[in-house]
Amino acid sequence: MSAERGVESQSGLAAETKAVFDQAGLGAAADVYYLLLRILRGMRRAGEMTPLTASGLSALFVIAQHGPLRLGDLANRERVTAPTMSRVVTILEQSELVQREPDPADGRATLLSVTPAGREYVVGAASARVQTVSEALAVLSTEEQVQIVRWLRTLESAVLKSFPDEELC
């Protein structure tokens, strides 16, 4: 379904832009991408006080949820290379949000874990963003909320499958 000239699509894309994507068979993908960007922008506003990048926050959340982790395992979970993750972790270490500890299973390796300050940061950074999402979801029924989570998990899975494993650690 093509938008009329001068009228925005449901996602907010200008009609002319939407028409180009529609012609290329990418209309739905463009709508999803644009909507996700707008949602993420709103989320950033909810936690404006954070000095960390999205990559840093994501890595910190993964370590807090699944740690302690080796750097390579964290890189795999985040779908980036080890050198990229090493730069992110260095910033987290300098901020005293994560620490490296010897891996008891392999003395040559280290494990990343969240410091008490890092755990507090996760709870604080997450709480403002989670509250923003909670307020937005409050207008939806429980069934609609469950459906959104299901769709987002499906989309996440599909997007992650598009990255060949050989590009990862």
N, C-alpha and C. Protein backbone atom coordinates (compact mmCIF):
# COMPACT_ATOMS: atom_id res chain seq x y z
N MET A 1 0.84 -1.17 0.00
CA MET A 1 0.00 0.00 0.00
C MET A 1 0.89 1.23 0.00
N SER A 2 0.76 2.05 -0.98
CA SER A 2 1.63 3.21 -1.15
C SER A 2 0.96 4.45 -0.55
N ALA A 3 1.77 5.28 0.09
CA ALA A 3 1.24 6.50 0.69
C ALA A 3 1.01 7.55 -0.40
N GLU A 4 0.00 8.39 -0.21
CA GLU A 4 -0.25 9.47 -1.16
C GLU A 4 0.84 10.50 -1.04
N ARG A 5 1.08 11.21 -2.13
CA ARG A 5 2.13 12.23 -2.17
C ARG A 5 1.88 13.28 -1.09
N GLY A 6 2.92 13.56 -0.30
CA GLY A 6 2.84 14.59 0.72
C GLY A 6 2.26 14.12 2.04
N VAL A 7 1.83 12.89 2.13
CA VAL A 7 1.25 12.35 3.36
C VAL A 7 2.22 11.34 3.96
N GLU A 8 2.44 11.43 5.27
CA GLU A 8 3.34 10.50 5.92
C GLU A 8 2.75 9.09 5.98
N SER A 9 3.61 8.09 6.00
CA SER A 9 3.18 6.71 6.19
C SER A 9 2.85 6.50 7.66
N GLN A 10 2.35 5.33 8.01
CA GLN A 10 2.02 5.04 9.40
C GLN A 10 3.24 5.11 10.30
N SER A 11 4.43 4.85 9.75
CA SER A 11 5.64 4.89 10.56
C SER A 11 6.14 6.31 10.77
N GLY A 12 5.65 7.23 9.95
CA GLY A 12 6.13 8.61 10.03
C GLY A 12 7.06 8.97 8.90
N LEU A 13 7.41 8.01 8.06
CA LEU A 13 8.25 8.32 6.90
C LEU A 13 7.48 9.21 5.94
N ALA A 14 8.16 10.18 5.35
CA ALA A 14 7.52 11.04 4.36
C ALA A 14 7.07 10.18 3.18
N ALA A 15 5.98 10.58 2.56
CA ALA A 15 5.39 9.79 1.47
C ALA A 15 6.38 9.52 0.35
N GLU A 16 7.18 10.52 -0.01
CA GLU A 16 8.14 10.34 -1.10
C GLU A 16 9.19 9.30 -0.74
N THR A 17 9.65 9.34 0.49
CA THR A 17 10.64 8.36 0.96
C THR A 17 10.02 6.98 1.03
N LYS A 18 8.82 6.90 1.58
CA LYS A 18 8.12 5.63 1.70
C LYS A 18 7.90 5.01 0.32
N ALA A 19 7.55 5.83 -0.66
CA ALA A 19 7.31 5.33 -2.02
C ALA A 19 8.55 4.69 -2.61
N VAL A 20 9.72 5.28 -2.36
CA VAL A 20 10.98 4.72 -2.85
C VAL A 20 11.20 3.34 -2.25
N PHE A 21 11.01 3.23 -0.94
CA PHE A 21 11.18 1.93 -0.27
C PHE A 21 10.13 0.92 -0.76
N ASP A 22 8.89 1.38 -0.91
CA ASP A 22 7.82 0.49 -1.40
C ASP A 22 8.18 -0.06 -2.78
N GLN A 23 8.68 0.81 -3.65
CA GLN A 23 9.04 0.40 -5.01
C GLN A 23 10.13 -0.67 -5.00
N ALA A 24 11.03 -0.57 -4.04
CA ALA A 24 12.13 -1.53 -3.93
C ALA A 24 11.70 -2.78 -3.15
N GLY A 25 10.45 -2.84 -2.74
CA GLY A 25 9.97 -3.98 -1.97
C GLY A 25 10.43 -3.94 -0.52
N LEU A 26 10.80 -2.76 -0.05
CA LEU A 26 11.34 -2.62 1.31
C LEU A 26 10.46 -1.77 2.22
N GLY A 27 9.20 -1.58 1.84
CA GLY A 27 8.32 -0.70 2.59
C GLY A 27 8.17 -1.08 4.05
N ALA A 28 7.85 -2.35 4.33
CA ALA A 28 7.66 -2.78 5.71
C ALA A 28 8.97 -2.68 6.49
N ALA A 29 10.07 -3.07 5.86
CA ALA A 29 11.37 -2.99 6.54
C ALA A 29 11.71 -1.54 6.88
N ALA A 30 11.43 -0.62 5.98
CA ALA A 30 11.71 0.79 6.24
C ALA A 30 10.84 1.30 7.38
N ASP A 31 9.57 0.90 7.40
CA ASP A 31 8.69 1.31 8.50
C ASP A 31 9.21 0.80 9.84
N VAL A 32 9.56 -0.49 9.90
CA VAL A 32 10.06 -1.08 11.15
C VAL A 32 11.34 -0.38 11.59
N TYR A 33 12.27 -0.18 10.65
CA TYR A 33 13.54 0.46 10.98
C TYR A 33 13.31 1.87 11.52
N TYR A 34 12.49 2.64 10.84
CA TYR A 34 12.24 4.02 11.26
C TYR A 34 11.54 4.06 12.62
N LEU A 35 10.56 3.17 12.83
CA LEU A 35 9.86 3.14 14.12
C LEU A 35 10.81 2.75 15.25
N LEU A 36 11.68 1.76 15.01
CA LEU A 36 12.64 1.36 16.04
C LEU A 36 13.60 2.51 16.37
N LEU A 37 14.04 3.25 15.36
CA LEU A 37 14.90 4.40 15.62
C LEU A 37 14.20 5.43 16.50
N ARG A 38 12.94 5.68 16.22
CA ARG A 38 12.19 6.66 17.02
C ARG A 38 11.98 6.16 18.44
N ILE A 39 11.71 4.86 18.60
CA ILE A 39 11.55 4.28 19.94
C ILE A 39 12.86 4.40 20.71
N LEU A 40 13.98 4.06 20.06
CA LEU A 40 15.28 4.14 20.73
C LEU A 40 15.63 5.57 21.10
N ARG A 41 15.28 6.52 20.25
CA ARG A 41 15.52 7.93 20.57
C ARG A 41 14.75 8.31 21.84
N GLY A 42 13.51 7.87 21.93
CA GLY A 42 12.72 8.13 23.14
C GLY A 42 13.32 7.48 24.36
N MET A 43 13.85 6.27 24.19
CA MET A 43 14.49 5.56 25.30
C MET A 43 15.73 6.31 25.77
N ARG A 44 16.52 6.81 24.81
CA ARG A 44 17.72 7.56 25.19
C ARG A 44 17.35 8.79 26.00
N ARG A 45 16.27 9.45 25.62
CA ARG A 45 15.83 10.63 26.36
C ARG A 45 15.46 10.28 27.80
N ALA A 46 14.94 9.09 28.00
CA ALA A 46 14.54 8.66 29.35
C ALA A 46 15.75 8.45 30.24
N GLY A 47 16.91 8.22 29.66
CA GLY A 47 18.11 7.99 30.46
C GLY A 47 19.23 8.89 30.03
N GLU A 48 18.93 10.15 29.76
CA GLU A 48 19.91 11.07 29.21
C GLU A 48 21.18 11.22 30.04
N MET A 49 21.12 10.92 31.30
CA MET A 49 22.25 11.17 32.18
C MET A 49 23.40 10.19 31.97
N THR A 50 23.21 9.12 31.20
CA THR A 50 24.23 8.10 31.06
C THR A 50 25.36 8.54 30.12
N PRO A 51 26.61 8.41 30.57
CA PRO A 51 27.74 8.76 29.71
C PRO A 51 28.13 7.60 28.78
N LEU A 52 27.52 6.42 28.96
CA LEU A 52 27.89 5.27 28.16
C LEU A 52 27.18 5.28 26.81
N THR A 53 27.84 4.69 25.84
CA THR A 53 27.22 4.49 24.53
C THR A 53 26.22 3.34 24.63
N ALA A 54 25.44 3.17 23.59
CA ALA A 54 24.50 2.05 23.55
C ALA A 54 25.27 0.73 23.64
N SER A 55 26.43 0.65 22.99
CA SER A 55 27.24 -0.57 23.05
C SER A 55 27.72 -0.84 24.46
N GLY A 56 28.15 0.19 25.15
CA GLY A 56 28.62 0.04 26.52
C GLY A 56 27.50 -0.40 27.45
N LEU A 57 26.33 0.23 27.31
CA LEU A 57 25.19 -0.16 28.13
C LEU A 57 24.78 -1.59 27.87
N SER A 58 24.73 -1.96 26.60
CA SER A 58 24.34 -3.32 26.25
C SER A 58 25.32 -4.33 26.83
N ALA A 59 26.61 -4.08 26.68
CA ALA A 59 27.63 -5.00 27.22
C ALA A 59 27.51 -5.08 28.74
N LEU A 60 27.31 -3.97 29.39
CA LEU A 60 27.16 -3.95 30.85
C LEU A 60 25.94 -4.77 31.28
N PHE A 61 24.83 -4.62 30.56
CA PHE A 61 23.62 -5.37 30.88
C PHE A 61 23.85 -6.87 30.68
N VAL A 62 24.55 -7.25 29.62
CA VAL A 62 24.82 -8.67 29.36
C VAL A 62 25.71 -9.25 30.45
N ILE A 63 26.74 -8.54 30.84
CA ILE A 63 27.63 -9.02 31.91
C ILE A 63 26.84 -9.15 33.22
N ALA A 64 26.00 -8.16 33.51
CA ALA A 64 25.20 -8.20 34.74
C ALA A 64 24.24 -9.38 34.72
N GLN A 65 23.70 -9.69 33.55
CA GLN A 65 22.70 -10.75 33.45
C GLN A 65 23.32 -12.14 33.34
N HIS A 66 24.45 -12.26 32.63
CA HIS A 66 25.01 -13.57 32.32
C HIS A 66 26.42 -13.81 32.85
N GLY A 67 27.01 -12.81 33.50
CA GLY A 67 28.39 -12.92 33.92
C GLY A 67 28.58 -13.80 35.12
N PRO A 68 29.83 -14.06 35.45
CA PRO A 68 31.03 -13.57 34.76
C PRO A 68 31.21 -14.26 33.39
N LEU A 69 31.76 -13.49 32.46
CA LEU A 69 31.96 -13.95 31.08
C LEU A 69 33.37 -13.66 30.61
N ARG A 70 33.87 -14.49 29.73
CA ARG A 70 35.10 -14.18 29.02
C ARG A 70 34.79 -13.14 27.96
N LEU A 71 35.80 -12.37 27.58
CA LEU A 71 35.62 -11.32 26.58
C LEU A 71 35.06 -11.88 25.28
N GLY A 72 35.59 -13.01 24.81
CA GLY A 72 35.11 -13.61 23.57
C GLY A 72 33.65 -14.02 23.64
N ASP A 73 33.25 -14.55 24.80
CA ASP A 73 31.85 -14.94 24.97
C ASP A 73 30.94 -13.71 24.97
N LEU A 74 31.39 -12.63 25.60
CA LEU A 74 30.63 -11.39 25.58
C LEU A 74 30.52 -10.86 24.15
N ALA A 75 31.62 -10.88 23.43
CA ALA A 75 31.62 -10.41 22.04
C ALA A 75 30.63 -11.23 21.20
N ASN A 76 30.62 -12.55 21.39
CA ASN A 76 29.68 -13.39 20.66
C ASN A 76 28.24 -13.04 21.00
N ARG A 77 27.96 -12.85 22.28
CA ARG A 77 26.60 -12.49 22.68
C ARG A 77 26.18 -11.15 22.09
N GLU A 78 27.12 -10.24 21.98
CA GLU A 78 26.83 -8.91 21.46
C GLU A 78 26.96 -8.83 19.93
N ARG A 79 27.42 -9.93 19.33
CA ARG A 79 27.55 -10.03 17.88
C ARG A 79 28.52 -9.01 17.30
N VAL A 80 29.66 -8.87 17.99
CA VAL A 80 30.74 -8.00 17.51
C VAL A 80 32.06 -8.76 17.61
N THR A 81 33.11 -8.19 17.06
CA THR A 81 34.42 -8.82 17.13
C THR A 81 35.05 -8.60 18.50
N ALA A 82 36.02 -9.43 18.85
CA ALA A 82 36.71 -9.29 20.13
C ALA A 82 37.42 -7.94 20.27
N PRO A 83 38.12 -7.44 19.22
CA PRO A 83 38.75 -6.12 19.37
C PRO A 83 37.75 -5.00 19.64
N THR A 84 36.59 -5.07 18.99
CA THR A 84 35.55 -4.06 19.24
C THR A 84 35.08 -4.15 20.68
N MET A 85 34.82 -5.36 21.15
CA MET A 85 34.34 -5.54 22.52
C MET A 85 35.41 -5.15 23.52
N SER A 86 36.67 -5.39 23.20
CA SER A 86 37.76 -5.02 24.09
C SER A 86 37.76 -3.51 24.34
N ARG A 87 37.51 -2.73 23.30
CA ARG A 87 37.45 -1.26 23.46
C ARG A 87 36.27 -0.87 24.36
N VAL A 88 35.14 -1.52 24.17
CA VAL A 88 33.96 -1.23 24.99
C VAL A 88 34.23 -1.59 26.45
N VAL A 89 34.83 -2.75 26.68
CA VAL A 89 35.11 -3.22 28.04
C VAL A 89 36.14 -2.31 28.73
N THR A 90 37.10 -1.82 27.98
CA THR A 90 38.10 -0.90 28.56
C THR A 90 37.41 0.32 29.15
N ILE A 91 36.45 0.87 28.43
CA ILE A 91 35.71 2.03 28.94
C ILE A 91 34.91 1.66 30.19
N LEU A 92 34.31 0.47 30.17
CA LEU A 92 33.55 0.02 31.34
C LEU A 92 34.47 -0.18 32.55
N GLU A 93 35.67 -0.70 32.29
CA GLU A 93 36.65 -0.88 33.38
C GLU A 93 37.11 0.48 33.92
N GLN A 94 37.42 1.40 33.03
CA GLN A 94 37.87 2.73 33.45
C GLN A 94 36.79 3.44 34.26
N SER A 95 35.54 3.14 33.95
CA SER A 95 34.41 3.71 34.69
C SER A 95 34.11 2.95 35.97
N GLU A 96 34.90 1.89 36.23
CA GLU A 96 34.77 1.04 37.40
C GLU A 96 33.39 0.37 37.49
N LEU A 97 32.85 0.02 36.30
CA LEU A 97 31.56 -0.65 36.23
C LEU A 97 31.72 -2.16 36.06
N VAL A 98 32.86 -2.58 35.48
CA VAL A 98 33.17 -4.01 35.36
C VAL A 98 34.61 -4.21 35.82
N GLN A 99 34.92 -5.46 36.15
CA GLN A 99 36.28 -5.81 36.54
C GLN A 99 36.67 -7.12 35.89
N ARG A 100 37.96 -7.30 35.72
CA ARG A 100 38.49 -8.56 35.20
C ARG A 100 39.04 -9.35 36.37
N GLU A 101 38.74 -10.65 36.36
CA GLU A 101 39.24 -11.55 37.39
C GLU A 101 39.81 -12.78 36.71
N PRO A 102 40.80 -13.42 37.32
CA PRO A 102 41.33 -14.65 36.71
C PRO A 102 40.24 -15.71 36.59
N ASP A 103 40.27 -16.42 35.49
CA ASP A 103 39.33 -17.53 35.28
C ASP A 103 39.87 -18.74 36.04
N PRO A 104 39.14 -19.23 37.05
CA PRO A 104 39.64 -20.37 37.83
C PRO A 104 39.82 -21.63 36.98
N ALA A 105 39.10 -21.72 35.87
CA ALA A 105 39.21 -22.90 35.00
C ALA A 105 40.40 -22.82 34.06
N ASP A 106 40.92 -21.60 33.83
CA ASP A 106 42.04 -21.40 32.90
C ASP A 106 42.81 -20.16 33.35
N GLY A 107 43.93 -20.36 33.96
CA GLY A 107 44.73 -19.27 34.51
C GLY A 107 45.17 -18.23 33.49
N ARG A 108 45.16 -18.60 32.21
CA ARG A 108 45.56 -17.65 31.16
C ARG A 108 44.43 -16.69 30.79
N ALA A 109 43.21 -17.06 31.13
CA ALA A 109 42.04 -16.27 30.74
C ALA A 109 41.52 -15.44 31.90
N THR A 110 40.73 -14.42 31.55
CA THR A 110 40.08 -13.61 32.58
C THR A 110 38.58 -13.62 32.36
N LEU A 111 37.87 -13.35 33.43
CA LEU A 111 36.42 -13.26 33.39
C LEU A 111 36.01 -11.83 33.70
N LEU A 112 34.99 -11.37 33.01
CA LEU A 112 34.44 -10.04 33.26
C LEU A 112 33.24 -10.17 34.18
N SER A 113 33.21 -9.34 35.20
CA SER A 113 32.05 -9.33 36.10
C SER A 113 31.71 -7.89 36.42
N VAL A 114 30.48 -7.70 36.84
CA VAL A 114 30.00 -6.36 37.18
C VAL A 114 30.43 -6.02 38.60
N THR A 115 30.90 -4.82 38.80
CA THR A 115 31.25 -4.34 40.14
C THR A 115 29.96 -3.92 40.84
N PRO A 116 30.02 -3.70 42.16
CA PRO A 116 28.82 -3.17 42.84
C PRO A 116 28.35 -1.85 42.21
N ALA A 117 29.28 -0.99 41.81
CA ALA A 117 28.90 0.27 41.15
C ALA A 117 28.23 -0.02 39.81
N GLY A 118 28.72 -1.03 39.10
CA GLY A 118 28.13 -1.42 37.83
C GLY A 118 26.72 -1.93 38.00
N ARG A 119 26.50 -2.73 39.05
CA ARG A 119 25.15 -3.25 39.31
C ARG A 119 24.20 -2.10 39.62
N GLU A 120 24.65 -1.16 40.43
CA GLU A 120 23.81 0.02 40.74
C GLU A 120 23.51 0.81 39.47
N TYR A 121 24.51 0.92 38.60
CA TYR A 121 24.34 1.65 37.34
C TYR A 121 23.29 0.97 36.47
N VAL A 122 23.35 -0.36 36.39
CA VAL A 122 22.39 -1.12 35.59
C VAL A 122 20.98 -0.86 36.11
N VAL A 123 20.80 -0.97 37.40
CA VAL A 123 19.47 -0.77 37.98
C VAL A 123 19.00 0.66 37.75
N GLY A 124 19.88 1.63 37.93
CA GLY A 124 19.50 3.03 37.73
C GLY A 124 19.23 3.36 36.28
N ALA A 125 20.11 2.93 35.39
CA ALA A 125 19.94 3.22 33.96
C ALA A 125 18.71 2.50 33.43
N ALA A 126 18.51 1.29 33.89
CA ALA A 126 17.38 0.52 33.40
C ALA A 126 16.06 1.07 33.94
N SER A 127 16.08 1.52 35.18
CA SER A 127 14.81 1.90 35.79
C SER A 127 14.13 3.05 35.06
N ALA A 128 14.87 4.06 34.64
CA ALA A 128 14.26 5.17 33.90
C ALA A 128 13.71 4.70 32.56
N ARG A 129 14.47 3.87 31.88
CA ARG A 129 14.03 3.37 30.57
C ARG A 129 12.86 2.39 30.72
N VAL A 130 12.95 1.52 31.72
CA VAL A 130 11.87 0.56 31.94
C VAL A 130 10.59 1.30 32.32
N GLN A 131 10.72 2.34 33.12
CA GLN A 131 9.55 3.13 33.51
C GLN A 131 8.92 3.79 32.29
N THR A 132 9.75 4.28 31.37
CA THR A 132 9.24 4.88 30.14
C THR A 132 8.46 3.86 29.32
N VAL A 133 9.02 2.67 29.18
CA VAL A 133 8.33 1.61 28.43
C VAL A 133 7.06 1.20 29.16
N SER A 134 7.12 1.09 30.47
CA SER A 134 5.95 0.70 31.25
C SER A 134 4.80 1.69 31.03
N GLU A 135 5.12 2.96 31.04
CA GLU A 135 4.09 3.98 30.82
C GLU A 135 3.50 3.87 29.42
N ALA A 136 4.35 3.59 28.44
CA ALA A 136 3.86 3.44 27.07
C ALA A 136 2.99 2.20 26.92
N LEU A 137 3.40 1.10 27.57
CA LEU A 137 2.65 -0.15 27.46
C LEU A 137 1.34 -0.13 28.26
N ALA A 138 1.25 0.77 29.22
CA ALA A 138 0.07 0.80 30.09
C ALA A 138 -1.23 1.02 29.32
N VAL A 139 -1.15 1.61 28.15
CA VAL A 139 -2.37 1.85 27.37
C VAL A 139 -2.80 0.61 26.60
N LEU A 140 -1.98 -0.43 26.63
CA LEU A 140 -2.27 -1.67 25.89
C LEU A 140 -2.80 -2.74 26.84
N SER A 141 -3.54 -3.67 26.28
CA SER A 141 -4.00 -4.81 27.07
C SER A 141 -2.82 -5.74 27.34
N THR A 142 -2.97 -6.62 28.32
CA THR A 142 -1.93 -7.60 28.62
C THR A 142 -1.64 -8.44 27.39
N GLU A 143 -2.68 -8.83 26.67
CA GLU A 143 -2.52 -9.64 25.46
C GLU A 143 -1.69 -8.88 24.40
N GLU A 144 -1.96 -7.60 24.24
CA GLU A 144 -1.20 -6.80 23.27
C GLU A 144 0.27 -6.67 23.70
N GLN A 145 0.50 -6.51 25.00
CA GLN A 145 1.87 -6.42 25.51
C GLN A 145 2.63 -7.72 25.24
N VAL A 146 2.00 -8.85 25.50
CA VAL A 146 2.63 -10.15 25.25
C VAL A 146 2.93 -10.30 23.76
N GLN A 147 2.00 -9.87 22.91
CA GLN A 147 2.19 -9.97 21.46
C GLN A 147 3.36 -9.11 21.00
N ILE A 148 3.51 -7.92 21.54
CA ILE A 148 4.62 -7.04 21.17
C ILE A 148 5.95 -7.71 21.53
N VAL A 149 6.04 -8.26 22.73
CA VAL A 149 7.27 -8.94 23.15
C VAL A 149 7.56 -10.11 22.21
N ARG A 150 6.54 -10.86 21.86
CA ARG A 150 6.71 -12.00 20.96
C ARG A 150 7.22 -11.52 19.59
N TRP A 151 6.63 -10.47 19.06
CA TRP A 151 7.06 -9.94 17.75
C TRP A 151 8.49 -9.43 17.81
N LEU A 152 8.83 -8.73 18.89
CA LEU A 152 10.19 -8.20 19.01
C LEU A 152 11.21 -9.32 19.12
N ARG A 153 10.89 -10.37 19.86
CA ARG A 153 11.80 -11.52 19.95
C ARG A 153 11.98 -12.17 18.59
N THR A 154 10.89 -12.30 17.84
CA THR A 154 10.95 -12.88 16.50
C THR A 154 11.80 -12.02 15.59
N LEU A 155 11.60 -10.71 15.64
CA LEU A 155 12.39 -9.79 14.82
C LEU A 155 13.86 -9.85 15.22
N GLU A 156 14.14 -9.84 16.52
CA GLU A 156 15.52 -9.93 16.99
C GLU A 156 16.19 -11.20 16.47
N SER A 157 15.50 -12.30 16.58
CA SER A 157 16.04 -13.57 16.12
C SER A 157 16.34 -13.53 14.62
N ALA A 158 15.42 -12.99 13.84
CA ALA A 158 15.61 -12.91 12.39
C ALA A 158 16.79 -11.99 12.05
N VAL A 159 16.90 -10.89 12.74
CA VAL A 159 18.01 -9.95 12.48
C VAL A 159 19.34 -10.61 12.84
N LEU A 160 19.40 -11.27 13.99
CA LEU A 160 20.66 -11.89 14.41
C LEU A 160 21.07 -13.03 13.49
N LYS A 161 20.11 -13.72 12.91
CA LYS A 161 20.42 -14.80 11.96
C LYS A 161 21.04 -14.27 10.68
N SER A 162 20.87 -12.98 10.41
CA SER A 162 21.40 -12.42 9.17
C SER A 162 22.90 -12.14 9.25
N PHE A 163 23.49 -12.31 10.45
CA PHE A 163 24.93 -12.11 10.62
C PHE A 163 25.64 -13.46 10.54
N PRO A 164 26.51 -13.62 9.54
CA PRO A 164 27.23 -14.91 9.47
C PRO A 164 28.13 -15.08 10.68
N ASP A 165 28.15 -16.29 11.23
CA ASP A 165 28.95 -16.58 12.43
C ASP A 165 30.43 -16.31 12.23
N GLU A 166 30.93 -16.46 11.01
CA GLU A 166 32.37 -16.27 10.82
C GLU A 166 32.82 -14.83 11.04
N GLU A 167 31.88 -13.89 11.07
CA GLU A 167 32.26 -12.50 11.36
C GLU A 167 32.39 -12.27 12.85
N LEU A 168 31.98 -13.23 13.65
CA LEU A 168 32.00 -13.07 15.10
C LEU A 168 33.20 -13.78 15.69
N CYS A 169 33.36 -13.59 16.99
CA CYS A 169 34.46 -14.24 17.70
C CYS A 169 34.19 -15.71 17.83
